[in-house]
């Protein structure tokens, strides 16, 4: 396989949700964003963004979103 480049991850091909098997021979270097988007679409559980995650962790009374907080850094 080799080392990862920017924006790449190791992913199973075919995806496990599509019947792929957990086997090192099925691991490929794939574009991270598109691969994770496909996996999120195959997920039975809802996929939430960073703001949704922050609200779950810290409650809906949070003063600002994570995106707003990161912009201040």
Foldseek 3Di string as FASTA:
>chain_A
DDDADPQKDWAFVVHVLVVTDPDPVRIDIDRNPVVVVVVCVSDPDHDDDQQVVCCVVPNPPDPDGPVVVVVVD
